[in-house]
Amino acid sequence: MKKYLLAVQFDESAPAPSEGEMQQQLARTAQVTADMQAAGSWVFVGGLLPSHASTVVRPGNGTTTMTDGPFAETKEQLGGFWVILCEDLDQALSWAEKCALACGAPIEVRPFEDAQWG
């Protein structure tokens, strides 16, 4: 089994969904997560606050600097993610399709490195 990151690409320039739309989206994504759990594919899921809530720590010349918000100015930011276990890329892409339909946003599928950390 290989781990994959399914990253939700959130368009911060788009109008915010209504409360009703947000509740429907949350219900759909909760169902996809439950389906992943039932299939034994689910590892972790998380939603993120908008990019303005972030702090970036940058190294340079043996020290660091901290700035508010993302480094790159782009309307698409990481909005949330699933970490899943799959037999292969085709299975991960199948889950990504379900996630994209559930949350109404593009999903980037990226495999984890095979290296074991700690």
C-alpha atoms as a PDB file:
ATOM      1  CA  MET A   1       0.000   0.000   0.000  1.00  0.00           C
ATOM      2  CA  LYS A   2       1.185   3.492  -0.843  1.00  0.00           C
ATOM      3  CA  LYS A   3       0.216   6.762   0.841  1.00  0.00           C
ATOM      4  CA  TYR A   4      -1.242   9.579  -1.234  1.00  0.00           C
ATOM      5  CA  LEU A   5      -2.085  13.165  -0.414  1.00  0.00           C
ATOM      6  CA  LEU A   6      -5.372  14.398  -1.867  1.00  0.00           C
ATOM      7  CA  ALA A   7      -4.997  18.179  -1.604  1.00  0.00           C
ATOM      8  CA  VAL A   8      -8.042  20.433  -1.989  1.00  0.00           C
ATOM      9  CA  GLN A   9      -7.180  23.459  -4.138  1.00  0.00           C
ATOM     10  CA  PHE A  10      -9.343  26.250  -2.732  1.00  0.00           C
ATOM     11  CA  ASP A  11      -9.935  29.420  -4.767  1.00  0.00           C
ATOM     12  CA  GLU A  12      -9.787  32.214  -2.196  1.00  0.00           C
ATOM     13  CA  SER A  13     -10.970  34.786  -4.755  1.00  0.00           C
ATOM     14  CA  ALA A  14     -14.308  33.006  -5.320  1.00  0.00           C
ATOM     15  CA  PRO A  15     -17.382  34.144  -3.412  1.00  0.00           C
ATOM     16  CA  ALA A  16     -17.934  32.263  -0.161  1.00  0.00           C
ATOM     17  CA  PRO A  17     -20.668  29.614  -0.299  1.00  0.00           C
ATOM     18  CA  SER A  18     -23.898  30.220   1.579  1.00  0.00           C
ATOM     19  CA  GLU A  19     -24.364  28.539   4.955  1.00  0.00           C
ATOM     20  CA  GLY A  20     -26.685  25.978   3.347  1.00  0.00           C
ATOM     21  CA  GLU A  21     -24.194  25.207   0.577  1.00  0.00           C
ATOM     22  CA  MET A  22     -21.407  24.862   3.140  1.00  0.00           C
ATOM     23  CA  GLN A  23     -23.441  22.419   5.220  1.00  0.00           C
ATOM     24  CA  GLN A  24     -24.197  20.322   2.120  1.00  0.00           C
ATOM     25  CA  GLN A  25     -20.507  20.315   1.157  1.00  0.00           C
ATOM     26  CA  LEU A  26     -19.489  19.254   4.672  1.00  0.00           C
ATOM     27  CA  ALA A  27     -22.047  16.441   4.604  1.00  0.00           C
ATOM     28  CA  ARG A  28     -20.766  15.207   1.221  1.00  0.00           C
ATOM     29  CA  THR A  29     -17.124  15.290   2.287  1.00  0.00           C
ATOM     30  CA  ALA A  30     -17.971  13.558   5.581  1.00  0.00           C
ATOM     31  CA  GLN A  31     -19.628  10.780   3.569  1.00  0.00           C
ATOM     32  CA  VAL A  32     -16.567  10.359   1.335  1.00  0.00           C
ATOM     33  CA  THR A  33     -14.377  10.193   4.454  1.00  0.00           C
ATOM     34  CA  ALA A  34     -16.695   7.573   5.975  1.00  0.00           C
ATOM     35  CA  ASP A  35     -16.507   5.566   2.736  1.00  0.00           C
ATOM     36  CA  MET A  36     -12.688   5.764   2.854  1.00  0.00           C
ATOM     37  CA  GLN A  37     -12.725   4.550   6.451  1.00  0.00           C
ATOM     38  CA  ALA A  38     -15.014   1.644   5.582  1.00  0.00           C
ATOM     39  CA  ALA A  39     -12.736   0.673   2.677  1.00  0.00           C
ATOM     40  CA  GLY A  40      -9.605   0.791   4.850  1.00  0.00           C
ATOM     41  CA  SER A  41      -8.080   3.619   2.780  1.00  0.00           C
ATOM     42  CA  TRP A  42      -8.429   6.517   5.207  1.00  0.00           C
ATOM     43  CA  VAL A  43      -5.407   7.693   7.226  1.00  0.00           C
ATOM     44  CA  PHE A  44      -6.145  11.353   8.070  1.00  0.00           C
ATOM     45  CA  VAL A  45      -8.261  14.287   6.918  1.00  0.00           C
ATOM     46  CA  GLY A  46      -7.970  17.981   7.747  1.00  0.00           C
ATOM     47  CA  GLY A  47      -9.443  21.290   6.728  1.00  0.00           C
ATOM     48  CA  LEU A  48      -7.356  24.469   6.847  1.00  0.00           C
ATOM     49  CA  LEU A  49      -8.146  28.079   7.621  1.00  0.00           C
ATOM     50  CA  PRO A  50      -7.637  30.573   4.764  1.00  0.00           C
ATOM     51  CA  SER A  51      -4.060  31.487   3.821  1.00  0.00           C
ATOM     52  CA  HIS A  52      -4.229  34.832   5.644  1.00  0.00           C
ATOM     53  CA  ALA A  53      -4.129  32.811   8.891  1.00  0.00           C
ATOM     54  CA  SER A  54      -0.744  31.304   7.995  1.00  0.00           C
ATOM     55  CA  THR A  55       2.769  32.287   8.990  1.00  0.00           C
ATOM     56  CA  VAL A  56       5.750  31.391   6.807  1.00  0.00           C
ATOM     57  CA  VAL A  57       9.132  30.719   8.462  1.00  0.00           C
ATOM     58  CA  ARG A  58      12.025  31.116   6.002  1.00  0.00           C
ATOM     59  CA  PRO A  59      15.653  30.114   6.548  1.00  0.00           C
ATOM     60  CA  GLY A  60      18.504  32.271   5.323  1.00  0.00           C
ATOM     61  CA  ASN A  61      22.088  32.958   6.373  1.00  0.00           C
ATOM     62  CA  GLY A  62      21.824  30.774   9.474  1.00  0.00           C
ATOM     63  CA  THR A  63      18.717  32.515  10.792  1.00  0.00           C
ATOM     64  CA  THR A  64      15.003  32.692  10.008  1.00  0.00           C
ATOM     65  CA  THR A  65      12.446  35.350   9.175  1.00  0.00           C
ATOM     66  CA  MET A  66       8.708  35.105   9.717  1.00  0.00           C
ATOM     67  CA  THR A  67       6.020  36.670   7.556  1.00  0.00           C
ATOM     68  CA  ASP A  68       2.250  36.542   7.692  1.00  0.00           C
ATOM     69  CA  GLY A  69       0.422  34.811   4.886  1.00  0.00           C
ATOM     70  CA  PRO A  70       1.739  32.731   2.006  1.00  0.00           C
ATOM     71  CA  PHE A  71       4.859  33.547   0.028  1.00  0.00           C
ATOM     72  CA  ALA A  72       3.245  33.163  -3.394  1.00  0.00           C
ATOM     73  CA  GLU A  73       0.441  35.503  -4.330  1.00  0.00           C
ATOM     74  CA  THR A  74      -2.112  33.272  -5.956  1.00  0.00           C
ATOM     75  CA  LYS A  75      -5.843  32.877  -5.676  1.00  0.00           C
ATOM     76  CA  GLU A  76      -5.601  29.089  -5.255  1.00  0.00           C
ATOM     77  CA  GLN A  77      -4.375  27.857  -1.897  1.00  0.00           C
ATOM     78  CA  LEU A  78      -4.370  24.572  -0.018  1.00  0.00           C
ATOM     79  CA  GLY A  79      -7.777  24.403   1.647  1.00  0.00           C
ATOM     80  CA  GLY A  80      -7.703  20.926   3.141  1.00  0.00           C
ATOM     81  CA  PHE A  81      -6.518  17.411   2.488  1.00  0.00           C
ATOM     82  CA  TRP A  82      -6.929  13.695   2.903  1.00  0.00           C
ATOM     83  CA  VAL A  83      -4.071  11.256   3.454  1.00  0.00           C
ATOM     84  CA  ILE A  84      -5.038   7.832   2.124  1.00  0.00           C
ATOM     85  CA  LEU A  85      -3.595   4.366   1.581  1.00  0.00           C
ATOM     86  CA  CYS A  86      -4.128   2.834  -1.856  1.00  0.00           C
ATOM     87  CA  GLU A  87      -2.918  -0.113  -3.880  1.00  0.00           C
ATOM     88  CA  ASP A  88      -1.973   2.172  -6.790  1.00  0.00           C
ATOM     89  CA  LEU A  89      -2.455   5.549  -8.458  1.00  0.00           C
ATOM     90  CA  ASP A  90      -5.672   4.444 -10.177  1.00  0.00           C
ATOM     91  CA  GLN A  91      -7.291   3.765  -6.806  1.00  0.00           C
ATOM     92  CA  ALA A  92      -6.075   7.134  -5.471  1.00  0.00           C
ATOM     93  CA  LEU A  93      -7.494   8.888  -8.535  1.00  0.00           C
ATOM     94  CA  SER A  94     -10.833   7.167  -7.992  1.00  0.00           C
ATOM     95  CA  TRP A  95     -10.963   8.565  -4.440  1.00  0.00           C
ATOM     96  CA  ALA A  96      -9.886  11.981  -5.755  1.00  0.00           C
ATOM     97  CA  GLU A  97     -12.844  12.035  -8.157  1.00  0.00           C
ATOM     98  CA  LYS A  98     -15.210  11.390  -5.251  1.00  0.00           C
ATOM     99  CA  CYS A  99     -13.510  14.100  -3.183  1.00  0.00           C
ATOM    100  CA  ALA A 100     -13.664  16.648  -6.013  1.00  0.00           C
ATOM    101  CA  LEU A 101     -17.377  16.041  -6.513  1.00  0.00           C
ATOM    102  CA  ALA A 102     -18.013  16.193  -2.755  1.00  0.00           C
ATOM    103  CA  CYS A 103     -16.183  19.461  -2.068  1.00  0.00           C
ATOM    104  CA  GLY A 104     -16.649  21.107  -5.473  1.00  0.00           C
ATOM    105  CA  ALA A 105     -12.960  21.959  -5.801  1.00  0.00           C
ATOM    106  CA  PRO A 106      -9.956  20.619  -7.701  1.00  0.00           C
ATOM    107  CA  ILE A 107      -8.005  17.851  -5.966  1.00  0.00           C
ATOM    108  CA  GLU A 108      -4.272  17.438  -6.455  1.00  0.00           C
ATOM    109  CA  VAL A 109      -3.148  13.820  -6.064  1.00  0.00           C
ATOM    110  CA  ARG A 110       0.432  13.409  -4.902  1.00  0.00           C
ATOM    111  CA  PRO A 111       2.146  10.214  -3.733  1.00  0.00           C
ATOM    112  CA  PHE A 112       4.308  10.269  -0.638  1.00  0.00           C
ATOM    113  CA  GLU A 113       7.974   9.338  -0.947  1.00  0.00           C
ATOM    114  CA  ASP A 114       8.716   5.701  -0.215  1.00  0.00           C
ATOM    115  CA  ALA A 115      11.379   6.679   2.342  1.00  0.00           C
ATOM    116  CA  GLN A 116      10.517   5.849   5.931  1.00  0.00           C
ATOM    117  CA  TRP A 117      10.949   8.692   8.393  1.00  0.00           C
ATOM    118  CA  GLY A 118      11.549   7.839  12.024  1.00  0.00           C
END
